[in-house]
C-alpha atoms as a PDB file:
ATOM      1  CA  MET A   1     101.550  89.445  94.459  1.00  0.00           C
ATOM      2  CA  SER A   2      97.754  89.011  94.373  1.00  0.00           C
ATOM      3  CA  LEU A   3      95.962  92.083  95.688  1.00  0.00           C
ATOM      4  CA  VAL A   4      92.532  90.436  95.289  1.00  0.00           C
ATOM      5  CA  GLU A   5      91.835  86.723  95.677  1.00  0.00           C
ATOM      6  CA  ALA A   6      88.534  84.902  95.206  1.00  0.00           C
ATOM      7  CA  ARG A   7      88.270  81.239  96.161  1.00  0.00           C
ATOM      8  CA  GLY A   8      85.279  78.988  95.466  1.00  0.00           C
ATOM      9  CA  LEU A   9      83.035  82.016  95.048  1.00  0.00           C
ATOM     10  CA  THR A  10      79.368  81.259  94.254  1.00  0.00           C
ATOM     11  CA  ARG A  11      76.097  83.168  94.271  1.00  0.00           C
ATOM     12  CA  GLU A  12      72.575  81.784  94.175  1.00  0.00           C
ATOM     13  CA  PHE A  13      69.301  83.679  94.240  1.00  0.00           C
ATOM     14  CA  ILE A  14      65.868  82.485  95.299  1.00  0.00           C
ATOM     15  CA  VAL A  15      63.416  82.814  92.413  1.00  0.00           C
ATOM     16  CA  PRO A  16      60.165  84.486  93.568  1.00  0.00           C
ATOM     17  CA  LYS A  17      57.169  82.139  93.603  1.00  0.00           C
ATOM     18  CA  ARG A  18      54.460  82.806  91.058  1.00  0.00           C
ATOM     19  CA  SER A  19      51.874  80.981  93.182  1.00  0.00           C
ATOM     20  CA  PRO A  20      51.642  79.604  96.751  1.00  0.00           C
ATOM     21  CA  LEU A  21      51.740  76.057  95.381  1.00  0.00           C
ATOM     22  CA  GLU A  22      54.980  76.513  93.503  1.00  0.00           C
ATOM     23  CA  ARG A  23      58.113  75.035  95.039  1.00  0.00           C
ATOM     24  CA  THR A  24      61.003  77.304  95.981  1.00  0.00           C
ATOM     25  CA  ARG A  25      63.580  77.442  93.215  1.00  0.00           C
ATOM     26  CA  ARG A  26      67.127  78.716  93.181  1.00  0.00           C
ATOM     27  CA  GLN A  27      68.943  80.316  90.291  1.00  0.00           C
ATOM     28  CA  THR A  28      72.732  80.206  90.111  1.00  0.00           C
ATOM     29  CA  ALA A  29      74.283  83.478  89.009  1.00  0.00           C
ATOM     30  CA  LEU A  30      77.882  82.448  89.709  1.00  0.00           C
ATOM     31  CA  GLU A  31      79.321  78.956  89.679  1.00  0.00           C
ATOM     32  CA  PRO A  32      82.371  78.139  91.897  1.00  0.00           C
ATOM     33  CA  THR A  33      84.949  80.697  90.802  1.00  0.00           C
ATOM     34  CA  ASP A  34      88.607  81.315  91.593  1.00  0.00           C
ATOM     35  CA  LEU A  35      90.238  84.582  90.559  1.00  0.00           C
ATOM     36  CA  ASP A  36      93.533  86.314  91.325  1.00  0.00           C
ATOM     37  CA  ILE A  37      94.130  89.985  90.516  1.00  0.00           C
ATOM     38  CA  ILE A  38      97.767  91.013  90.668  1.00  0.00           C
ATOM     39  CA  GLU A  39      98.589  94.416  92.136  1.00  0.00           C
ATOM     40  CA  GLY A  40      99.209  96.974  89.398  1.00  0.00           C
ATOM     41  CA  SER A  41      97.598  94.853  86.695  1.00  0.00           C
ATOM     42  CA  SER A  42      94.609  95.586  84.499  1.00  0.00           C
ATOM     43  CA  VAL A  43      91.993  92.841  84.184  1.00  0.00           C
ATOM     44  CA  GLY A  44      89.188  92.870  81.634  1.00  0.00           C
ATOM     45  CA  ILE A  45      86.096  90.759  82.337  1.00  0.00           C
ATOM     46  CA  ILE A  46      84.042  90.117  79.219  1.00  0.00           C
ATOM     47  CA  GLY A  47      80.914  88.161  78.341  1.00  0.00           C
ATOM     48  CA  GLU A  48      77.344  88.693  77.235  1.00  0.00           C
ATOM     49  CA  SER A  49      74.584  90.020  79.494  1.00  0.00           C
ATOM     50  CA  GLY A  50      73.751  87.526  82.248  1.00  0.00           C
ATOM     51  CA  SER A  51      77.163  85.867  82.136  1.00  0.00           C
ATOM     52  CA  GLY A  52      77.921  86.742  85.769  1.00  0.00           C
ATOM     53  CA  LYS A  53      80.330  89.657  85.260  1.00  0.00           C
ATOM     54  CA  SER A  54      78.576  92.194  87.466  1.00  0.00           C
ATOM     55  CA  THR A  55      77.710  89.558  90.089  1.00  0.00           C
ATOM     56  CA  LEU A  56      81.398  88.681  90.400  1.00  0.00           C
ATOM     57  CA  VAL A  57      82.402  92.336  90.738  1.00  0.00           C
ATOM     58  CA  ARG A  58      79.755  93.014  93.401  1.00  0.00           C
ATOM     59  CA  LEU A  59      81.105  90.102  95.430  1.00  0.00           C
ATOM     60  CA  LEU A  60      84.689  91.322  95.059  1.00  0.00           C
ATOM     61  CA  LEU A  61      83.608  94.759  96.323  1.00  0.00           C
ATOM     62  CA  GLY A  62      81.657  93.394  99.280  1.00  0.00           C
ATOM     63  CA  LEU A  63      78.428  94.853  97.861  1.00  0.00           C
ATOM     64  CA  ASP A  64      76.793  91.426  97.884  1.00  0.00           C
ATOM     65  CA  ARG A  65      77.228  88.335 100.047  1.00  0.00           C
ATOM     66  CA  PRO A  66      78.407  85.101  98.384  1.00  0.00           C
ATOM     67  CA  THR A  67      76.476  81.892  98.856  1.00  0.00           C
ATOM     68  CA  SER A  68      79.825  80.214  99.423  1.00  0.00           C
ATOM     69  CA  GLY A  69      83.495  80.981  98.998  1.00  0.00           C
ATOM     70  CA  THR A  70      85.738  83.825 100.146  1.00  0.00           C
ATOM     71  CA  VAL A  71      87.180  87.098  98.916  1.00  0.00           C
ATOM     72  CA  THR A  72      90.352  88.632 100.323  1.00  0.00           C
ATOM     73  CA  VAL A  73      91.772  92.046  99.506  1.00  0.00           C
ATOM     74  CA  ASP A  74      95.394  92.688 100.448  1.00  0.00           C
ATOM     75  CA  GLY A  75      95.268  89.583 102.634  1.00  0.00           C
ATOM     76  CA  ARG A  76      92.183  90.694 104.553  1.00  0.00           C
ATOM     77  CA  ARG A  77      88.934  88.782 104.242  1.00  0.00           C
ATOM     78  CA  VAL A  78      85.891  90.658 102.944  1.00  0.00           C
ATOM     79  CA  ASP A  79      82.770  90.099 105.043  1.00  0.00           C
ATOM     80  CA  ALA A  80      79.814  91.499 103.115  1.00  0.00           C
ATOM     81  CA  SER A  81      77.557  91.009 106.148  1.00  0.00           C
ATOM     82  CA  ALA A  82      79.658  93.405 108.229  1.00  0.00           C
ATOM     83  CA  SER A  83      78.534  96.936 109.006  1.00  0.00           C
ATOM     84  CA  ALA A  84      79.387  99.866 106.763  1.00  0.00           C
ATOM     85  CA  THR A  85      81.851 101.081 109.371  1.00  0.00           C
ATOM     86  CA  SER A  86      83.583  97.704 109.494  1.00  0.00           C
ATOM     87  CA  LEU A  87      83.991  97.744 105.711  1.00  0.00           C
ATOM     88  CA  ARG A  88      85.446 101.244 105.591  1.00  0.00           C
ATOM     89  CA  TRP A  89      88.918  99.748 105.077  1.00  0.00           C
ATOM     90  CA  LEU A  90      87.677  98.136 101.851  1.00  0.00           C
ATOM     91  CA  ARG A  91      86.031 101.327 100.606  1.00  0.00           C
ATOM     92  CA  ARG A  92      89.348 103.133 101.118  1.00  0.00           C
ATOM     93  CA  GLN A  93      91.007 100.546  98.884  1.00  0.00           C
ATOM     94  CA  THR A  94      88.491 100.661  96.044  1.00  0.00           C
ATOM     95  CA  GLY A  95      86.834 103.092  93.634  1.00  0.00           C
ATOM     96  CA  LEU A  96      83.907 102.319  91.345  1.00  0.00           C
ATOM     97  CA  VAL A  97      82.729 103.921  88.098  1.00  0.00           C
ATOM     98  CA  PHE A  98      79.222 102.981  86.957  1.00  0.00           C
ATOM     99  CA  GLN A  99      77.793 102.676  83.463  1.00  0.00           C
ATOM    100  CA  ASP A 100      75.426 105.666  83.411  1.00  0.00           C
ATOM    101  CA  PRO A 101      77.253 108.904  84.274  1.00  0.00           C
ATOM    102  CA  TYR A 102      74.005 110.784  84.901  1.00  0.00           C
ATOM    103  CA  ALA A 103      72.083 108.263  87.001  1.00  0.00           C
ATOM    104  CA  SER A 104      75.117 107.734  89.273  1.00  0.00           C
ATOM    105  CA  LEU A 105      75.401 111.444  90.183  1.00  0.00           C
ATOM    106  CA  ASP A 106      73.065 113.164  92.664  1.00  0.00           C
ATOM    107  CA  PRO A 107      71.427 116.040  90.729  1.00  0.00           C
ATOM    108  CA  ARG A 108      70.973 118.022  93.957  1.00  0.00           C
ATOM    109  CA  MET A 109      74.716 118.191  94.612  1.00  0.00           C
ATOM    110  CA  THR A 110      77.368 120.224  92.832  1.00  0.00           C
ATOM    111  CA  ALA A 111      80.236 118.416  91.134  1.00  0.00           C
ATOM    112  CA  GLY A 112      82.528 119.530  93.944  1.00  0.00           C
ATOM    113  CA  GLN A 113      80.218 118.091  96.597  1.00  0.00           C
ATOM    114  CA  ILE A 114      79.902 114.827  94.663  1.00  0.00           C
ATOM    115  CA  VAL A 115      83.654 114.407  94.372  1.00  0.00           C
ATOM    116  CA  ARG A 116      84.250 115.480  97.974  1.00  0.00           C
ATOM    117  CA  GLU A 117      81.719 113.019  99.428  1.00  0.00           C
ATOM    118  CA  PRO A 118      84.092 109.971  99.633  1.00  0.00           C
ATOM    119  CA  LEU A 119      86.666 112.069 101.502  1.00  0.00           C
ATOM    120  CA  TRP A 120      84.054 112.961 104.105  1.00  0.00           C
ATOM    121  CA  ALA A 121      82.438 109.514 104.276  1.00  0.00           C
ATOM    122  CA  LEU A 122      85.758 107.695 104.639  1.00  0.00           C
ATOM    123  CA  GLY A 123      87.264 110.158 107.101  1.00  0.00           C
ATOM    124  CA  VAL A 124      90.187 111.126 104.882  1.00  0.00           C
ATOM    125  CA  ASP A 125      92.400 113.797 106.440  1.00  0.00           C
ATOM    126  CA  GLY A 126      93.676 116.900 104.680  1.00  0.00           C
ATOM    127  CA  ASP A 127      92.339 119.853 102.706  1.00  0.00           C
ATOM    128  CA  HIS A 128      89.313 118.416 100.945  1.00  0.00           C
ATOM    129  CA  ARG A 129      88.695 121.456  98.761  1.00  0.00           C
ATOM    130  CA  ALA A 130      92.248 121.433  97.461  1.00  0.00           C
ATOM    131  CA  ARG A 131      92.082 117.711  96.791  1.00  0.00           C
ATOM    132  CA  VAL A 132      88.826 118.086  94.862  1.00  0.00           C
ATOM    133  CA  ARG A 133      90.299 120.854  92.690  1.00  0.00           C
ATOM    134  CA  GLU A 134      93.379 118.717  92.070  1.00  0.00           C
ATOM    135  CA  VAL A 135      91.387 115.652  91.013  1.00  0.00           C
ATOM    136  CA  LEU A 136      88.968 117.601  88.818  1.00  0.00           C
ATOM    137  CA  ALA A 137      91.955 119.050  86.985  1.00  0.00           C
ATOM    138  CA  ARG A 138      93.460 115.563  86.771  1.00  0.00           C
ATOM    139  CA  VAL A 139      90.439 114.300  84.833  1.00  0.00           C
ATOM    140  CA  GLY A 140      90.463 117.313  82.502  1.00  0.00           C
ATOM    141  CA  LEU A 141      87.776 119.572  83.982  1.00  0.00           C
ATOM    142  CA  GLU A 142      87.971 123.344  84.444  1.00  0.00           C
ATOM    143  CA  PRO A 143      88.659 124.854  87.900  1.00  0.00           C
ATOM    144  CA  ASP A 144      85.080 126.204  88.186  1.00  0.00           C
ATOM    145  CA  ALA A 145      83.528 122.792  87.424  1.00  0.00           C
ATOM    146  CA  GLY A 146      83.106 122.087  91.121  1.00  0.00           C
ATOM    147  CA  ASP A 147      80.474 124.820  91.466  1.00  0.00           C
ATOM    148  CA  ARG A 148      78.194 123.442  88.746  1.00  0.00           C
ATOM    149  CA  TYR A 149      75.484 120.768  88.842  1.00  0.00           C
ATOM    150  CA  PRO A 150      75.432 117.479  86.862  1.00  0.00           C
ATOM    151  CA  HIS A 151      72.777 118.703  84.384  1.00  0.00           C
ATOM    152  CA  GLU A 152      75.140 121.489  83.306  1.00  0.00           C
ATOM    153  CA  PHE A 153      77.685 118.995  81.943  1.00  0.00           C
ATOM    154  CA  SER A 154      77.811 116.807  78.861  1.00  0.00           C
ATOM    155  CA  GLY A 155      77.759 113.011  79.169  1.00  0.00           C
ATOM    156  CA  GLY A 156      81.523 112.769  78.829  1.00  0.00           C
ATOM    157  CA  GLN A 157      82.084 115.481  81.439  1.00  0.00           C
ATOM    158  CA  ARG A 158      79.715 113.722  83.837  1.00  0.00           C
ATOM    159  CA  GLN A 159      81.715 110.520  83.449  1.00  0.00           C
ATOM    160  CA  ARG A 160      84.871 112.520  84.239  1.00  0.00           C
ATOM    161  CA  ILE A 161      83.173 113.683  87.440  1.00  0.00           C
ATOM    162  CA  ALA A 162      82.281 110.066  88.262  1.00  0.00           C
ATOM    163  CA  LEU A 163      85.891 109.076  87.640  1.00  0.00           C
ATOM    164  CA  ALA A 164      87.144 111.912  89.845  1.00  0.00           C
ATOM    165  CA  ARG A 165      84.835 110.720  92.646  1.00  0.00           C
ATOM    166  CA  ALA A 166      86.195 107.178  92.253  1.00  0.00           C
ATOM    167  CA  ILE A 167      89.857 108.185  92.616  1.00  0.00           C
ATOM    168  CA  VAL A 168      89.672 111.204  94.940  1.00  0.00           C
ATOM    169  CA  HIS A 169      90.454 109.153  98.075  1.00  0.00           C
ATOM    170  CA  GLY A 170      93.480 107.461  96.499  1.00  0.00           C
ATOM    171  CA  PRO A 171      92.208 103.876  96.093  1.00  0.00           C
ATOM    172  CA  ARG A 172      94.490 101.042  95.047  1.00  0.00           C
ATOM    173  CA  ILE A 173      91.795  99.355  92.932  1.00  0.00           C
ATOM    174  CA  LEU A 174      89.611 101.061  90.331  1.00  0.00           C
ATOM    175  CA  ILE A 175      86.642  99.080  89.035  1.00  0.00           C
ATOM    176  CA  GLY A 176      84.681 100.152  85.976  1.00  0.00           C
ATOM    177  CA  ASP A 177      81.333  98.442  85.350  1.00  0.00           C
ATOM    178  CA  GLU A 178      80.672  99.197  81.666  1.00  0.00           C
ATOM    179  CA  PRO A 179      82.038 102.745  82.201  1.00  0.00           C
ATOM    180  CA  LEU A 180      82.056 103.662  78.499  1.00  0.00           C
ATOM    181  CA  SER A 181      79.006 101.936  77.064  1.00  0.00           C
ATOM    182  CA  ALA A 182      76.596 104.855  77.640  1.00  0.00           C
ATOM    183  CA  LEU A 183      78.829 107.341  75.805  1.00  0.00           C
ATOM    184  CA  ASP A 184      79.003 108.180  72.126  1.00  0.00           C
ATOM    185  CA  VAL A 185      82.027 107.133  70.093  1.00  0.00           C
ATOM    186  CA  THR A 186      83.955 110.402  70.288  1.00  0.00           C
ATOM    187  CA  VAL A 187      83.456 110.858  74.024  1.00  0.00           C
ATOM    188  CA  ARG A 188      84.241 107.185  74.617  1.00  0.00           C
ATOM    189  CA  ALA A 189      87.626 107.673  72.965  1.00  0.00           C
ATOM    190  CA  GLN A 190      88.360 110.648  75.242  1.00  0.00           C
ATOM    191  CA  ILE A 191      87.508 108.754  78.434  1.00  0.00           C
ATOM    192  CA  LEU A 192      89.459 105.736  77.197  1.00  0.00           C
ATOM    193  CA  GLU A 193      92.495 107.960  76.668  1.00  0.00           C
ATOM    194  CA  LEU A 194      92.054 109.330  80.193  1.00  0.00           C
ATOM    195  CA  LEU A 195      91.951 105.816  81.678  1.00  0.00           C
ATOM    196  CA  VAL A 196      95.051 104.840  79.706  1.00  0.00           C
ATOM    197  CA  ASP A 197      96.830 107.912  81.096  1.00  0.00           C
ATOM    198  CA  LEU A 198      95.754 107.072  84.661  1.00  0.00           C
ATOM    199  CA  ARG A 199      97.158 103.576  84.257  1.00  0.00           C
ATOM    200  CA  ARG A 200     100.425 104.963  82.927  1.00  0.00           C
ATOM    201  CA  THR A 201     100.931 107.563  85.657  1.00  0.00           C
ATOM    202  CA  THR A 202      99.601 105.772  88.751  1.00  0.00           C
ATOM    203  CA  ASP A 203      99.854 102.372  90.427  1.00  0.00           C
ATOM    204  CA  LEU A 204      96.118 101.714  90.153  1.00  0.00           C
ATOM    205  CA  THR A 205      94.962  98.150  89.737  1.00  0.00           C
ATOM    206  CA  LEU A 206      92.182  98.256  87.151  1.00  0.00           C
ATOM    207  CA  VAL A 207      89.256  95.846  86.849  1.00  0.00           C
ATOM    208  CA  LEU A 208      87.135  96.559  83.788  1.00  0.00           C
ATOM    209  CA  VAL A 209      83.777  94.901  83.153  1.00  0.00           C
ATOM    210  CA  SER A 210      82.780  95.378  79.540  1.00  0.00           C
ATOM    211  CA  HIS A 211      81.124  93.821  76.533  1.00  0.00           C
ATOM    212  CA  ASP A 212      83.233  96.101  74.321  1.00  0.00           C
ATOM    213  CA  ILE A 213      86.229  93.972  73.376  1.00  0.00           C
ATOM    214  CA  GLY A 214      87.980  96.943  71.782  1.00  0.00           C
ATOM    215  CA  VAL A 215      87.997  98.798  75.102  1.00  0.00           C
ATOM    216  CA  VAL A 216      89.302  95.735  76.928  1.00  0.00           C
ATOM    217  CA  GLN A 217      92.019  95.275  74.320  1.00  0.00           C
ATOM    218  CA  ASN A 218      93.249  98.832  74.872  1.00  0.00           C
ATOM    219  CA  LEU A 219      93.156  98.822  78.663  1.00  0.00           C
ATOM    220  CA  SER A 220      93.741  95.284  79.933  1.00  0.00           C
ATOM    221  CA  ASP A 221      96.832  93.132  80.436  1.00  0.00           C
ATOM    222  CA  THR A 222      94.763  90.022  81.083  1.00  0.00           C
ATOM    223  CA  VAL A 223      91.273  88.956  80.053  1.00  0.00           C
ATOM    224  CA  VAL A 224      88.691  86.795  81.814  1.00  0.00           C
ATOM    225  CA  VAL A 225      85.843  85.420  79.690  1.00  0.00           C
ATOM    226  CA  MET A 226      82.583  84.504  81.441  1.00  0.00           C
ATOM    227  CA  LYS A 227      79.575  82.497  80.294  1.00  0.00           C
ATOM    228  CA  ASP A 228      76.599  81.267  82.335  1.00  0.00           C
ATOM    229  CA  GLY A 229      78.248  82.191  85.617  1.00  0.00           C
ATOM    230  CA  ARG A 230      81.554  80.479  84.848  1.00  0.00           C
ATOM    231  CA  ILE A 231      84.991  81.598  83.777  1.00  0.00           C
ATOM    232  CA  VAL A 232      85.500  79.688  80.539  1.00  0.00           C
ATOM    233  CA  GLU A 233      88.817  81.218  79.487  1.00  0.00           C
ATOM    234  CA  ARG A 234      91.489  83.466  80.928  1.00  0.00           C
ATOM    235  CA  GLY A 235      94.961  84.608  79.956  1.00  0.00           C
ATOM    236  CA  THR A 236      96.941  87.530  78.593  1.00  0.00           C
ATOM    237  CA  THR A 237      95.036  89.893  76.347  1.00  0.00           C
ATOM    238  CA  GLY A 238      97.067  88.862  73.316  1.00  0.00           C
ATOM    239  CA  ASP A 239      96.548  85.154  73.884  1.00  0.00           C
ATOM    240  CA  VAL A 240      92.818  85.335  74.567  1.00  0.00           C
ATOM    241  CA  LEU A 241      91.859  87.835  71.860  1.00  0.00           C
ATOM    242  CA  LEU A 242      94.263  86.721  69.149  1.00  0.00           C
ATOM    243  CA  ARG A 243      94.409  82.992  69.866  1.00  0.00           C
ATOM    244  CA  PRO A 244      91.145  82.082  71.649  1.00  0.00           C
ATOM    245  CA  GLN A 245      90.777  78.478  72.773  1.00  0.00           C
ATOM    246  CA  HIS A 246      87.168  78.248  73.937  1.00  0.00           C
ATOM    247  CA  ASP A 247      84.340  78.130  71.414  1.00  0.00           C
ATOM    248  CA  TYR A 248      82.430  80.835  73.287  1.00  0.00           C
ATOM    249  CA  THR A 249      85.393  83.238  73.118  1.00  0.00           C
ATOM    250  CA  LYS A 250      85.681  82.536  69.406  1.00  0.00           C
ATOM    251  CA  ALA A 251      81.981  83.290  68.989  1.00  0.00           C
ATOM    252  CA  LEU A 252      82.311  86.599  70.868  1.00  0.00           C
ATOM    253  CA  LEU A 253      85.197  87.677  68.670  1.00  0.00           C
ATOM    254  CA  ALA A 254      83.426  86.556  65.516  1.00  0.00           C
ATOM    255  CA  ALA A 255      80.424  88.701  66.457  1.00  0.00           C
ATOM    256  CA  ILE A 256      82.441  91.941  66.352  1.00  0.00           C
ATOM    257  CA  PRO A 257      81.118  93.967  63.402  1.00  0.00           C
ATOM    258  CA  VAL A 258      83.635  94.671  60.660  1.00  0.00           C
ATOM    259  CA  ILE A 259      83.230  97.319  57.970  1.00  0.00           C
ATOM    260  CA  PRO A 260      84.140  95.674  54.673  1.00  0.00           C
ATOM    261  CA  ARG A 261      86.797  97.349  52.580  1.00  0.00           C
ATOM    262  CA  ASP A 262      85.900  98.643  49.149  1.00  0.00           C
ATOM    263  CA  GLN A 263      86.660  96.103  46.475  1.00  0.00           C
END
């Protein structure tokens, strides 16, 4: 069953004029796109910068309004022009982890306040303090972490806080927009292991935007390859990464650095 469906989705932007005499121009960020995300699956979206990955995700989340086309989540149409209150149902369904774990956290708030904020904003019932402690422990942080501020944590710990905030309200869909790219190799491996464990122990549907094919290979069941605002290839992770059909996919895979073995 498709939890998320996109049909004929496009996005155009008006290019700012450089002079009063210049004609209005439009730039297409996303060509007509269809996408189905099956409940419980893990989808990796890969492509170089400017390929349309983040634009597609913003449209799926209702954070931007498509020029044309529709998005439905669990059979309900997403109207990005609706009020924040009207889209609360969608925010309850989704969690988002951003690329930079420091810039995405309010330095004036403690980790506990940051993680608790979605519970308050979305009107989730129950003991919020207990839920925050539970989720912080779930992502591998100490019980007293909730009383500390973002600057007191390492980059990997801050990304754990961001992950806790994304799952604290029990979403069905977790979206990561380059969630590991700002971390060093060792910390990246730890967060990757945590995401793998979350997938194994929960029913989360995972959508991962990344240029790191190794991360996608470890986390995703299916892969979508984007170029110039179009999906140029899609399929199971094994088929796309081991037996690519499109020249662009082959070029992406060929660009992965390989350390030569000693002769």
